[in-house]
């Protein structure tokens, strides 16, 4: 039974799962930034040329069909053709919110995407420049964005929606022009979107279009909804393919040469940092004299803060720990002088120094000097905190996820930690969006791709093939089995490739933005009304979610009282 349930969940990829679940919850069927665009505006310059890229064609087994002179998976064409008609009707009835080149985007589609952006932002999927995320239990307009209370998450989401739609349309049609085809697995996952909505509507005796209009806004249809998600994923897969192509163009010797010129730019360092008073020369000298190891570092901090925070011992580890830090991270958090000292040639474990900071001095203890680990191979079976693949929204979600992972651990232990049993566990229970289709196998994974707890465990000096443990992954607890490292495939080389590919991708995308067909990205006055529609559906979702949280809390309190 567990296996069937798990497989059923795997049909829906993260994007679809988050949005579909969010939409259905609304209707009750499932238990430093400043805004840049206001009313009418226009983006971009103009050029009659764009950069070119030669992609290696993806081998696919699905049938394709013609869509406006392009090739699409056959089962998408009917959706796109109907969505085109729905879009024209929505533009005529509700207005055009924005255009990308000669393609019109209705107020309905903008409002739909605004709501999606609310869900994605809460899941930290939009790459917010300040690393901020909204709460899903309050309307975006009721949540200040950052420190400036005049700017709300509604402002941020309106801007993000504009950028997301612009990028989605530009990349999707460029993908079609370049003959890019998504993989069989992604195509299969996306092919279920329309059917999933229709099935949910049927189960609740609802018309699919009416159900989605109730969740999003008037004018939403199944085909508009499905096309929106297909385009988002298509554009995302195309972006990955572009970056992969750019990365592959650089030889191993070129990458090594870049690394050898300045290893400190790409290496990590593990340090402990304690803030002390800038004018406390006596304290600084005492620290350098007393601190010999991590235990004495803690002891110094506990004594130093005894009058200010007598409970410092409880947070000494978590608040002073800075692991897997690149040079730029140290600069950002503690200043260039501290970074220079940390990454100085000859720095060794156990070194202690007090360095000037912005307000306080930085007492730095080096746990591990410069390093760049090899990539690792492992197996995993993740139990997600929730269906959306978000961080835990409650203690209960954490407890349930951890308990499930521990049951899998016990099962593996009873079978002497065999690889065969680990494979069976992954095949039956694994909910990881990254590895369910590889039966939990993860190969060539670098440290910057891992969560903190998993990375620390994988790279521990005592780690050996066959070790297994329950660890928190960020989106859930998982059972992990370490299989080995790939010597020579160091993290620094991967980072350099990623940086080069990102730079070249940005240049390529910039050329698409400035290309003739995309230069007129107009934001009309209708966009304000469209954003308000998106805000209304987001607020309705937040109200429902808050009620669910309050009900769960009340139930827990009642059980405790008994």
Protein backbone atom coordinates (compact mmCIF):
# COMPACT_ATOMS: atom_id res chain seq x y z
CA UNK A 1 0.00 0.00 0.00
CA UNK A 2 2.80 2.42 0.85
CA UNK A 3 4.42 1.74 -2.48
CA UNK A 4 1.26 2.48 -4.44
CA UNK A 5 0.67 5.70 -2.54
CA UNK A 6 4.24 6.83 -3.08
CA UNK A 7 4.14 6.11 -6.80
CA UNK A 8 0.88 7.99 -7.14
CA UNK A 9 2.46 11.05 -5.58
CA UNK A 10 5.38 10.83 -7.97
CA UNK A 11 3.20 11.46 -11.01
CA UNK A 12 2.98 15.14 -10.11
CA UNK A 13 6.25 17.08 -10.25
CA UNK A 14 6.94 19.83 -7.64
CA UNK A 15 5.56 22.71 -9.67
CA UNK A 16 2.30 20.96 -10.39
CA UNK A 17 1.95 19.56 -6.89
CA UNK A 18 2.44 22.93 -5.19
CA UNK A 19 0.07 24.87 -7.39
CA UNK A 20 -2.63 22.23 -7.72
CA UNK A 21 -2.63 21.59 -3.98
CA UNK A 22 -2.70 25.33 -3.29
CA UNK A 23 -5.58 25.88 -5.68
CA UNK A 24 -7.62 23.06 -4.21
CA UNK A 25 -6.97 24.11 -0.62
CA UNK A 26 -8.42 27.55 -1.43
CA UNK A 27 -11.70 26.05 -2.57
CA UNK A 28 -11.68 23.54 0.28
CA UNK A 29 -11.34 20.33 -1.73
CA UNK A 30 -8.03 19.40 -0.10
CA UNK A 31 -8.01 18.84 3.49
CA UNK A 32 16.56 46.65 -0.56
CA UNK A 33 14.24 46.04 -3.30
CA UNK A 34 11.96 48.69 -4.78
CA UNK A 35 9.20 48.11 -7.34
CA UNK A 36 10.40 49.14 -10.79
CA UNK A 37 7.16 49.04 -12.78
CA UNK A 38 3.93 50.80 -12.04
CA UNK A 39 1.37 51.44 -14.76
CA UNK A 40 2.41 51.74 -18.38
CA UNK A 41 6.03 50.96 -19.06
CA UNK A 42 8.26 49.28 -21.59
CA UNK A 43 11.27 47.03 -21.25
CA UNK A 44 14.31 46.62 -23.42
CA UNK A 45 16.13 48.24 -26.33
CA UNK A 46 16.28 46.53 -29.70
CA UNK A 47 18.55 44.51 -31.93
CA UNK A 48 18.18 42.51 -35.10
CA UNK A 49 20.61 39.84 -33.94
CA UNK A 50 20.86 37.47 -31.03
CA UNK A 51 23.49 35.06 -29.80
CA UNK A 52 23.30 31.53 -31.11
CA UNK A 53 23.74 28.23 -29.32
CA UNK A 54 23.99 24.69 -30.63
CA UNK A 55 22.25 22.18 -28.40
CA UNK A 56 22.69 18.43 -28.51
CA UNK A 57 19.23 17.09 -29.45
CA UNK A 58 17.44 15.15 -26.72
CA UNK A 59 16.52 11.61 -27.70
CA UNK A 60 12.82 11.23 -27.03
CA UNK A 61 10.34 8.45 -27.63
CA UNK A 62 7.08 10.41 -27.50
CA UNK A 63 5.25 11.50 -30.63
CA UNK A 64 5.48 15.14 -31.71
CA UNK A 65 3.02 17.33 -33.58
CA UNK A 66 3.07 20.71 -35.27
CA UNK A 67 2.19 23.81 -33.29
CA UNK A 68 2.50 27.03 -35.28
CA UNK A 69 5.42 25.63 -37.23
CA UNK A 70 7.16 24.26 -34.14
CA UNK A 71 7.40 20.74 -32.73
CA UNK A 72 5.74 19.98 -29.44
CA UNK A 73 4.93 16.71 -27.68
CA UNK A 74 1.74 15.59 -29.36
CA UNK A 75 -0.33 15.54 -26.17
CA UNK A 76 0.49 19.24 -25.52
CA UNK A 77 -0.78 20.55 -28.85
CA UNK A 78 -4.48 20.22 -28.06
CA UNK A 79 -3.92 22.03 -24.76
CA UNK A 80 -2.01 24.87 -26.44
CA UNK A 81 -4.51 25.29 -29.24
CA UNK A 82 -7.42 25.55 -26.81
CA UNK A 83 -5.39 27.78 -24.46
CA UNK A 84 -4.75 30.12 -27.40
CA UNK A 85 -8.52 30.52 -27.86
CA UNK A 86 -9.06 30.90 -24.10
CA UNK A 87 -6.32 33.51 -23.95
CA UNK A 88 -7.82 35.56 -26.79
CA UNK A 89 -11.21 35.45 -25.08
CA UNK A 90 -9.67 36.49 -21.75
CA UNK A 91 -7.74 39.36 -23.35
CA UNK A 92 -10.92 40.64 -24.97
CA UNK A 93 -13.06 40.29 -21.84
CA UNK A 94 -10.61 41.16 -19.04
CA UNK A 95 -7.91 43.12 -20.83
CA UNK A 96 -4.23 42.70 -21.73
CA UNK A 97 -2.00 43.00 -18.68
CA UNK A 98 1.30 42.85 -20.58
CA UNK A 99 2.84 41.86 -23.88
CA UNK A 100 6.09 40.09 -24.69
CA UNK A 101 6.95 41.03 -28.23
CA UNK A 102 3.75 40.43 -30.18
CA UNK A 103 2.34 37.94 -27.67
CA UNK A 104 -0.47 39.18 -25.43
CA UNK A 105 -0.85 38.06 -21.84
CA UNK A 106 -4.32 38.48 -20.36
CA UNK A 107 -5.17 39.86 -16.94
CA UNK A 108 -6.40 36.36 -16.10
CA UNK A 109 -3.03 34.76 -16.83
CA UNK A 110 -1.24 37.49 -14.89
CA UNK A 111 -3.51 36.98 -11.87
CA UNK A 112 -2.99 33.20 -12.03
CA UNK A 113 0.77 33.63 -12.12
CA UNK A 114 0.70 36.15 -9.27
CA UNK A 115 -0.94 33.54 -7.05
CA UNK A 116 1.61 30.95 -8.19
CA UNK A 117 4.43 33.37 -7.33
CA UNK A 118 3.03 33.67 -3.80
CA UNK A 119 3.31 29.91 -3.35
CA UNK A 120 6.74 29.73 -5.01
CA UNK A 121 8.07 32.67 -2.97
CA UNK A 122 7.02 31.00 0.28
CA UNK A 123 8.90 27.89 -0.88
CA UNK A 124 11.99 30.01 -1.61
CA UNK A 125 11.74 29.13 -5.34
CA UNK A 126 11.93 32.62 -6.85
CA UNK A 127 15.49 33.44 -5.83
CA UNK A 128 14.60 36.53 -3.83
CA UNK A 129 17.52 39.03 -3.88
CA UNK A 130 17.34 39.44 -0.11
CA UNK A 131 16.60 35.80 0.63
CA UNK A 132 13.20 36.71 2.06
CA UNK A 133 10.06 34.58 1.97
CA UNK A 134 6.44 35.48 2.79
CA UNK A 135 4.20 33.65 5.24
CA UNK A 136 1.42 31.59 3.66
CA UNK A 137 -0.96 32.43 6.51
CA UNK A 138 -1.31 36.13 5.64
CA UNK A 139 -2.16 38.03 2.46
CA UNK A 140 0.87 39.39 0.56
CA UNK A 141 -0.44 42.97 0.87
CA UNK A 142 -0.48 42.58 4.67
CA UNK A 143 3.18 41.57 4.85
CA UNK A 144 5.99 44.17 4.66
CA UNK A 145 8.80 43.20 2.32
CA UNK A 146 12.03 43.64 4.27
CA UNK A 147 12.60 46.62 6.54
CA UNK A 148 10.76 49.19 4.40
CA UNK A 149 7.16 48.86 5.58
CA UNK A 150 5.96 50.96 2.62
CA UNK A 151 6.88 48.07 0.33
CA UNK A 152 4.79 44.93 0.78
CA UNK A 153 4.97 41.42 -0.60
CA UNK A 154 2.17 42.45 -2.96
CA UNK A 155 4.59 44.93 -4.56
CA UNK A 156 7.31 42.29 -4.71
CA UNK A 157 5.02 39.66 -6.23
CA UNK A 158 3.69 42.03 -8.87
CA UNK A 159 7.26 42.72 -9.97
CA UNK A 160 8.20 39.04 -9.81
CA UNK A 161 5.14 38.06 -11.84
CA UNK A 162 6.08 40.48 -14.60
CA UNK A 163 9.64 39.17 -14.73
CA UNK A 164 8.56 35.52 -14.56
CA UNK A 165 6.06 35.81 -17.40
CA UNK A 166 8.51 37.75 -19.56
CA UNK A 167 11.21 35.14 -19.05
CA UNK A 168 8.80 32.23 -19.49
CA UNK A 169 7.53 33.43 -22.85
CA UNK A 170 10.96 34.41 -24.19
CA UNK A 171 12.64 31.13 -23.23
CA UNK A 172 9.73 28.91 -24.25
CA UNK A 173 9.55 30.23 -27.79
CA UNK A 174 13.33 30.37 -28.14
CA UNK A 175 13.38 26.71 -27.08
CA UNK A 176 10.90 25.86 -29.82
CA UNK A 177 12.87 27.84 -32.40
CA UNK A 178 16.04 25.96 -31.44
CA UNK A 179 14.25 22.61 -31.72
CA UNK A 180 14.67 21.87 -28.01
CA UNK A 181 12.64 18.90 -26.79
CA UNK A 182 12.04 18.12 -23.13
CA UNK A 183 12.98 14.66 -21.87
CA UNK A 184 10.60 11.71 -21.88
CA UNK A 185 10.31 11.78 -18.08
CA UNK A 186 9.47 15.49 -17.82
CA UNK A 187 7.03 15.24 -20.72
CA UNK A 188 5.29 12.32 -19.03
CA UNK A 189 5.03 14.24 -15.75
CA UNK A 190 3.60 17.32 -17.45
CA UNK A 191 1.15 15.26 -19.50
CA UNK A 192 -0.87 14.51 -16.35
CA UNK A 193 -1.66 18.14 -15.43
CA UNK A 194 -4.95 18.46 -17.28
CA UNK A 195 -6.10 15.02 -16.19
CA UNK A 196 -5.21 15.72 -12.55
CA UNK A 197 -7.39 18.84 -12.51
CA UNK A 198 -10.27 17.13 -14.28
CA UNK A 199 -10.07 14.17 -11.89
CA UNK A 200 -10.12 16.45 -8.83
CA UNK A 201 -13.07 18.37 -10.24
CA UNK A 202 -14.94 15.17 -11.00
CA UNK A 203 -14.34 13.85 -7.47
CA UNK A 204 -15.98 17.01 -6.13
CA UNK A 205 -18.77 17.21 -8.73
CA UNK A 206 -17.34 20.44 -10.11
CA UNK A 207 -16.76 21.78 -13.60
CA UNK A 208 -12.92 21.97 -14.02
CA UNK A 209 -12.93 25.52 -15.40
CA UNK A 210 -15.32 26.68 -12.69
CA UNK A 211 -13.20 25.03 -9.99
CA UNK A 212 -10.03 26.77 -11.16
CA UNK A 213 -11.82 30.11 -11.60
CA UNK A 214 -12.96 29.78 -7.99
CA UNK A 215 -9.38 29.15 -6.88
CA UNK A 216 -7.60 31.68 -9.06
CA UNK A 217 -9.86 34.25 -10.71
CA UNK A 218 -12.67 34.58 -13.20
CA UNK A 219 -11.69 33.40 -16.68
CA UNK A 220 -9.25 30.69 -15.58
CA UNK A 221 -9.57 27.52 -17.63
CA UNK A 222 -7.98 24.10 -17.42
CA UNK A 223 -6.04 24.68 -20.64
CA UNK A 224 -4.74 28.11 -19.54
CA UNK A 225 -3.67 26.55 -16.25
CA UNK A 226 -2.01 23.58 -17.95
CA UNK A 227 -0.27 25.71 -20.58
CA UNK A 228 1.05 28.02 -17.86
CA UNK A 229 2.73 25.15 -16.01
CA UNK A 230 3.96 23.44 -19.18
CA UNK A 231 5.59 26.68 -20.36
CA UNK A 232 7.18 27.26 -16.95
CA UNK A 233 8.71 23.81 -16.86
CA UNK A 234 9.66 23.87 -20.54
CA UNK A 235 11.47 27.19 -20.03
CA UNK A 236 13.16 25.85 -16.89
CA UNK A 237 14.38 22.71 -18.66
CA UNK A 238 15.61 24.81 -21.59
CA UNK A 239 17.54 27.09 -19.22
CA UNK A 240 19.21 24.03 -17.69
CA UNK A 241 20.08 22.71 -21.14
CA UNK A 242 21.62 26.05 -22.12
CA UNK A 243 23.74 26.22 -18.98
CA UNK A 244 24.79 22.59 -19.40
CA UNK A 245 25.83 23.30 -22.99
CA UNK A 246 27.83 26.36 -21.97
CA UNK A 247 29.48 24.46 -19.11
CA UNK A 248 30.45 21.50 -21.31
CA UNK A 249 32.25 23.80 -23.73
CA UNK A 250 35.05 24.40 -21.19
CA UNK A 251 37.80 21.81 -20.99
CA UNK A 252 39.02 20.26 -17.74
CA UNK A 253 42.46 21.83 -18.25
CA UNK A 254 40.88 25.29 -18.64
CA UNK A 255 38.90 24.83 -15.42
CA UNK A 256 41.98 23.62 -13.53
CA UNK A 257 43.97 26.56 -14.83
CA UNK A 258 41.40 29.03 -13.50
CA UNK A 259 41.39 27.28 -10.13
CA UNK A 260 45.17 27.19 -9.83
CA UNK A 261 45.42 30.94 -10.40
CA UNK A 262 43.37 31.71 -7.30
CA UNK A 263 42.32 28.69 -5.20
CA UNK A 264 41.13 30.88 -2.33
CA UNK A 265 38.32 32.23 -4.49
CA UNK A 266 36.77 28.78 -4.81
CA UNK A 267 37.81 26.92 -1.65
CA UNK A 268 35.75 26.59 1.51
CA UNK A 269 36.70 27.21 5.10
CA UNK A 270 35.05 26.13 8.38
CA UNK A 271 35.30 28.69 11.17
CA UNK A 272 33.71 29.66 14.45
CA UNK A 273 33.00 33.35 14.99
CA UNK A 274 32.09 35.04 18.27
CA UNK A 275 31.28 38.73 18.54
CA UNK A 276 33.15 40.57 21.31
CA UNK A 277 33.39 44.25 22.22
CA UNK A 278 35.68 46.18 19.87
CA UNK A 279 37.44 48.04 22.70
CA UNK A 280 37.95 44.95 24.89
CA UNK A 281 41.68 44.47 24.37
CA UNK A 282 41.96 42.43 27.55
CA UNK A 283 39.23 40.05 26.35
CA UNK A 284 40.91 39.70 22.96
CA UNK A 285 44.24 38.78 24.52
CA UNK A 286 42.57 36.37 26.93
CA UNK A 287 40.77 34.65 24.04
CA UNK A 288 44.00 34.12 22.09
CA UNK A 289 45.64 32.71 25.21
CA UNK A 290 42.82 30.44 26.44
CA UNK A 291 41.34 29.03 23.22
CA UNK A 292 43.15 25.85 22.17
CA UNK A 293 40.32 23.79 20.73
CA UNK A 294 36.57 23.87 20.10
CA UNK A 295 35.70 23.03 23.70
CA UNK A 296 37.78 25.91 25.05
CA UNK A 297 36.24 28.18 22.40
CA UNK A 298 32.79 27.35 23.80
CA UNK A 299 34.02 27.81 27.38
CA UNK A 300 35.37 31.25 26.55
CA UNK A 301 32.09 32.29 24.94
CA UNK A 302 30.00 30.99 27.84
CA UNK A 303 32.16 32.93 30.33
CA UNK A 304 32.26 36.06 28.15
CA UNK A 305 28.46 36.19 27.85
CA UNK A 306 27.60 35.01 31.39
CA UNK A 307 26.28 38.43 32.45
CA UNK A 308 24.55 39.23 29.16
CA UNK A 309 23.18 35.81 28.24
CA UNK A 310 23.51 33.11 30.91
CA UNK A 311 21.90 30.62 28.51
CA UNK A 312 24.51 31.11 25.80
CA UNK A 313 25.73 27.52 26.21
CA UNK A 314 22.52 26.27 24.56
CA UNK A 315 23.16 28.23 21.37
CA UNK A 316 26.96 28.30 21.40
CA UNK A 317 27.22 25.74 18.62
CA UNK A 318 24.51 27.00 16.23
CA UNK A 319 25.25 30.73 16.53
CA UNK A 320 29.03 30.54 16.08
CA UNK A 321 29.16 27.90 13.32
CA UNK A 322 30.14 29.03 9.80
CA UNK A 323 30.84 25.99 7.62
CA UNK A 324 31.30 25.62 3.86
CA UNK A 325 32.09 29.33 3.58
CA UNK A 326 33.54 30.78 0.39
CA UNK A 327 35.70 33.90 0.55
CA UNK A 328 32.79 36.10 -0.56
CA UNK A 329 30.56 34.74 2.23
CA UNK A 330 33.14 35.74 4.87
CA UNK A 331 33.45 39.19 3.29
CA UNK A 332 29.68 39.62 3.28
CA UNK A 333 29.22 38.53 6.90
CA UNK A 334 32.38 39.82 8.57
CA UNK A 335 34.28 42.13 6.22
CA UNK A 336 37.29 41.85 3.93
CA UNK A 337 39.90 42.00 6.70
CA UNK A 338 38.45 38.89 8.36
CA UNK A 339 38.21 37.14 4.98
CA UNK A 340 41.84 37.94 4.17
CA UNK A 341 42.98 36.48 7.47
CA UNK A 342 40.83 33.35 7.15
CA UNK A 343 42.08 32.55 3.66
CA UNK A 344 45.71 33.62 4.18
CA UNK A 345 48.32 31.15 2.95
CA UNK A 346 49.49 28.84 5.74
CA UNK A 347 46.33 29.18 7.82
CA UNK A 348 45.90 26.04 9.95
CA UNK A 349 43.30 24.43 12.18
CA UNK A 350 43.26 25.94 15.67
CA UNK A 351 44.38 29.41 14.63
CA UNK A 352 42.70 32.18 16.66
CA UNK A 353 42.50 35.90 15.96
CA UNK A 354 40.41 38.93 16.84
CA UNK A 355 39.62 41.08 13.81
CA UNK A 356 37.72 44.36 13.45
CA UNK A 357 34.06 44.27 12.38
CA UNK A 358 31.35 46.85 11.74
CA UNK A 359 30.12 47.24 15.33
CA UNK A 360 31.81 44.42 17.24
CA UNK A 361 35.12 42.64 16.81
CA UNK A 362 35.17 39.15 15.29
CA UNK A 363 36.78 36.46 17.41
CA UNK A 364 37.61 33.79 14.82
CA UNK A 365 38.63 30.19 15.48
CA UNK A 366 39.62 28.06 12.48
CA UNK A 367 38.18 24.55 12.57
CA UNK A 368 39.19 23.57 9.06
CA UNK A 369 41.42 25.66 6.78
CA UNK A 370 40.91 25.94 3.01
CA UNK A 371 39.56 22.81 1.33
CA UNK A 372 37.44 21.68 -1.62
CA UNK A 373 35.93 18.21 -1.22
CA UNK A 374 35.36 15.63 -3.93
CA UNK A 375 31.81 14.98 -5.10
CA UNK A 376 29.98 12.11 -3.42
CA UNK A 377 27.76 9.19 -4.42
CA UNK A 378 24.96 8.09 -2.13
CA UNK A 379 21.45 6.67 -1.89
CA UNK A 380 18.53 8.42 -0.26
CA UNK A 381 14.92 7.95 0.74
CA UNK A 382 13.35 11.29 1.64
CA UNK A 383 10.06 11.70 3.46
CA UNK A 384 8.85 15.21 2.63
CA UNK A 385 7.50 17.53 5.31
CA UNK A 386 4.53 18.29 3.04
CA UNK A 387 3.21 17.61 -0.47
CA UNK A 388 4.55 20.92 -1.77
CA UNK A 389 8.16 20.09 -0.91
CA UNK A 390 8.40 23.15 1.34
CA UNK A 391 10.20 23.61 4.64
CA UNK A 392 8.28 22.27 7.64
CA UNK A 393 5.24 24.41 8.42
CA UNK A 394 4.72 22.89 11.89
CA UNK A 395 6.41 20.74 14.52
CA UNK A 396 4.01 17.94 13.64
CA UNK A 397 5.27 17.88 10.05
CA UNK A 398 8.82 17.56 11.36
CA UNK A 399 7.94 14.82 13.80
CA UNK A 400 6.00 12.78 11.24
CA UNK A 401 8.77 13.06 8.65
CA UNK A 402 11.48 12.11 11.14
CA UNK A 403 9.44 9.19 12.49
CA UNK A 404 8.94 7.81 8.96
CA UNK A 405 12.67 8.11 8.22
CA UNK A 406 13.52 6.33 11.50
CA UNK A 407 11.19 3.46 10.63
CA UNK A 408 13.06 3.06 7.36
CA UNK A 409 16.36 3.20 9.28
CA UNK A 410 15.19 0.39 11.58
CA UNK A 411 14.13 -1.68 8.58
CA UNK A 412 17.54 -1.21 6.97
CA UNK A 413 19.30 -2.04 10.24
CA UNK A 414 17.32 -5.27 10.64
CA UNK A 415 18.60 -6.24 7.20
CA UNK A 416 22.24 -5.53 8.13
CA UNK A 417 22.39 -2.32 6.07
CA UNK A 418 22.25 -4.17 2.76
CA UNK A 419 22.27 -2.17 -0.47
CA UNK A 420 19.46 -4.35 -1.76
CA UNK A 421 17.21 -3.36 1.15
CA UNK A 422 18.18 0.31 0.74
CA UNK A 423 17.15 0.08 -2.90
CA UNK A 424 13.84 -1.50 -1.91
CA UNK A 425 13.24 1.21 0.70
CA UNK A 426 13.97 3.98 -1.82
CA UNK A 427 11.79 2.37 -4.45
CA UNK A 428 8.92 2.09 -1.98
CA UNK A 429 9.10 5.26 0.11
CA UNK A 430 11.39 7.87 -1.48
CA UNK A 431 9.57 11.15 -2.18
CA UNK A 432 12.60 13.18 -3.28
CA UNK A 433 11.85 15.27 -6.35
CA UNK A 434 15.50 14.86 -7.39
CA UNK A 435 15.94 11.10 -7.12
CA UNK A 436 12.67 9.20 -7.15
CA UNK A 437 13.15 8.27 -10.82
CA UNK A 438 16.66 6.93 -10.10
CA UNK A 439 15.48 4.76 -7.19
CA UNK A 440 17.17 7.12 -4.76
CA UNK A 441 20.60 6.94 -6.40
CA UNK A 442 22.54 10.24 -6.38
CA UNK A 443 25.92 10.38 -8.13
CA UNK A 444 28.55 13.10 -8.49
CA UNK A 445 26.83 15.45 -6.04
CA UNK A 446 28.88 18.42 -4.82
CA UNK A 447 28.79 19.97 -1.40
CA UNK A 448 27.10 23.18 -2.55
CA UNK A 449 24.18 21.05 -3.76
CA UNK A 450 23.61 19.46 -0.33
CA UNK A 451 21.89 20.70 2.80
CA UNK A 452 24.07 21.49 5.81
CA UNK A 453 23.42 18.34 7.87
CA UNK A 454 23.74 16.02 4.89
CA UNK A 455 26.93 17.70 3.66
CA UNK A 456 28.60 17.51 7.09
CA UNK A 457 27.78 13.83 7.41
CA UNK A 458 28.86 12.97 3.84
CA UNK A 459 32.22 14.71 4.15
CA UNK A 460 33.15 13.54 7.66
CA UNK A 461 36.66 12.10 7.83
CA UNK A 462 35.44 8.81 9.30
CA UNK A 463 32.79 8.26 6.61
CA UNK A 464 33.03 4.89 4.83
CA UNK A 465 31.03 3.11 2.13
CA UNK A 466 27.88 1.50 3.50
CA UNK A 467 27.36 3.97 6.38
CA UNK A 468 23.76 5.07 6.79
CA UNK A 469 21.96 7.64 8.90
CA UNK A 470 18.74 9.65 9.30
CA UNK A 471 19.36 13.32 8.46
CA UNK A 472 17.32 16.45 7.80
CA UNK A 473 17.52 17.53 4.17
CA UNK A 474 15.71 20.87 4.26
CA UNK A 475 12.46 19.60 2.74
CA UNK A 476 12.14 16.53 4.94
CA UNK A 477 13.97 13.86 6.89
CA UNK A 478 15.69 11.16 4.92
CA UNK A 479 17.54 7.89 5.25
CA UNK A 480 20.94 8.31 3.59
CA UNK A 481 23.50 5.68 2.63
CA UNK A 482 27.01 6.82 1.70
CA UNK A 483 28.63 4.97 -1.23
CA UNK A 484 31.87 6.85 -1.88
CA UNK A 485 33.65 9.91 -3.28
CA UNK A 486 34.80 10.70 -6.80
CA UNK A 487 38.46 11.62 -6.42
CA UNK A 488 39.50 14.62 -8.48
CA UNK A 489 35.93 15.83 -9.06
CA UNK A 490 36.36 18.63 -6.56
CA UNK A 491 33.72 21.17 -5.66
CA UNK A 492 35.86 24.07 -6.84
CA UNK A 493 35.89 22.79 -10.41
CA UNK A 494 32.11 22.45 -10.37
CA UNK A 495 31.69 25.98 -9.02
CA UNK A 496 33.97 27.40 -11.72
CA UNK A 497 31.98 25.64 -14.43
CA UNK A 498 28.73 26.89 -12.94
CA UNK A 499 30.04 30.46 -12.77
CA UNK A 500 31.25 30.39 -16.37
CA UNK A 501 28.00 28.83 -17.59
CA UNK A 502 25.91 31.33 -15.64
CA UNK A 503 27.82 34.26 -17.11
CA UNK A 504 27.41 32.95 -20.65
CA UNK A 505 23.76 32.13 -20.07
CA UNK A 506 23.11 35.66 -18.78
CA UNK A 507 24.73 37.11 -21.89
CA UNK A 508 22.62 34.82 -24.06
CA UNK A 509 19.40 35.74 -22.28
CA UNK A 510 20.29 39.43 -22.51
CA UNK A 511 20.59 39.04 -26.27
CA UNK A 512 17.10 37.49 -26.31
CA UNK A 513 15.71 40.38 -24.30
CA UNK A 514 17.12 42.88 -26.77
CA UNK A 515 16.17 40.96 -29.88
CA UNK A 516 13.62 42.64 -32.15
CA UNK A 517 10.82 40.22 -31.38
CA UNK A 518 11.13 40.79 -27.62
CA UNK A 519 12.13 44.43 -27.31
CA UNK A 520 8.60 45.72 -26.70
CA UNK A 521 7.63 44.23 -23.36
CA UNK A 522 4.79 46.57 -22.44
CA UNK A 523 3.09 46.70 -19.06
CA UNK A 524 -0.37 48.21 -19.38
CA UNK A 525 -2.68 49.82 -16.84
CA UNK A 526 -4.67 46.57 -16.71
CA UNK A 527 -1.75 45.07 -14.79
CA UNK A 528 -2.88 46.80 -11.60
CA UNK A 529 -6.33 45.20 -11.74
CA UNK A 530 -4.76 41.86 -12.64
CA UNK A 531 -2.44 42.05 -9.62
CA UNK A 532 -5.44 42.83 -7.41
CA UNK A 533 -7.16 39.69 -8.68
CA UNK A 534 -4.06 37.67 -7.89
CA UNK A 535 -3.91 39.29 -4.46
CA UNK A 536 -7.54 38.35 -3.79
CA UNK A 537 -6.92 34.65 -4.52
CA UNK A 538 -3.70 34.74 -2.48
CA UNK A 539 -5.53 36.30 0.46
CA UNK A 540 -8.27 33.66 0.25
CA UNK A 541 -5.65 30.92 0.30
CA UNK A 542 -3.86 32.53 3.28
CA UNK A 543 -7.14 32.76 5.21
CA UNK A 544 -7.88 29.08 4.60
CA UNK A 545 -4.36 28.08 5.60
CA UNK A 546 -4.45 30.17 8.78
CA UNK A 547 -7.73 28.54 9.74
CA UNK A 548 -6.23 25.10 9.21
CA UNK A 549 -3.20 26.00 11.35
CA UNK A 550 -5.43 27.38 14.12
CA UNK A 551 -7.70 24.34 14.02
CA UNK A 552 -4.69 22.01 14.25
CA UNK A 553 -3.29 23.98 17.17
CA UNK A 554 -6.63 23.96 18.98
CA UNK A 555 -6.92 20.22 18.45
CA UNK A 556 -3.41 19.65 19.80
CA UNK A 557 -4.14 21.79 22.87
CA UNK A 558 -7.37 19.87 23.50
CA UNK A 559 -5.54 16.55 23.31
CA UNK A 560 -2.88 17.84 25.70
CA UNK A 561 -5.54 19.00 28.15
CA UNK A 562 -7.09 15.52 28.18
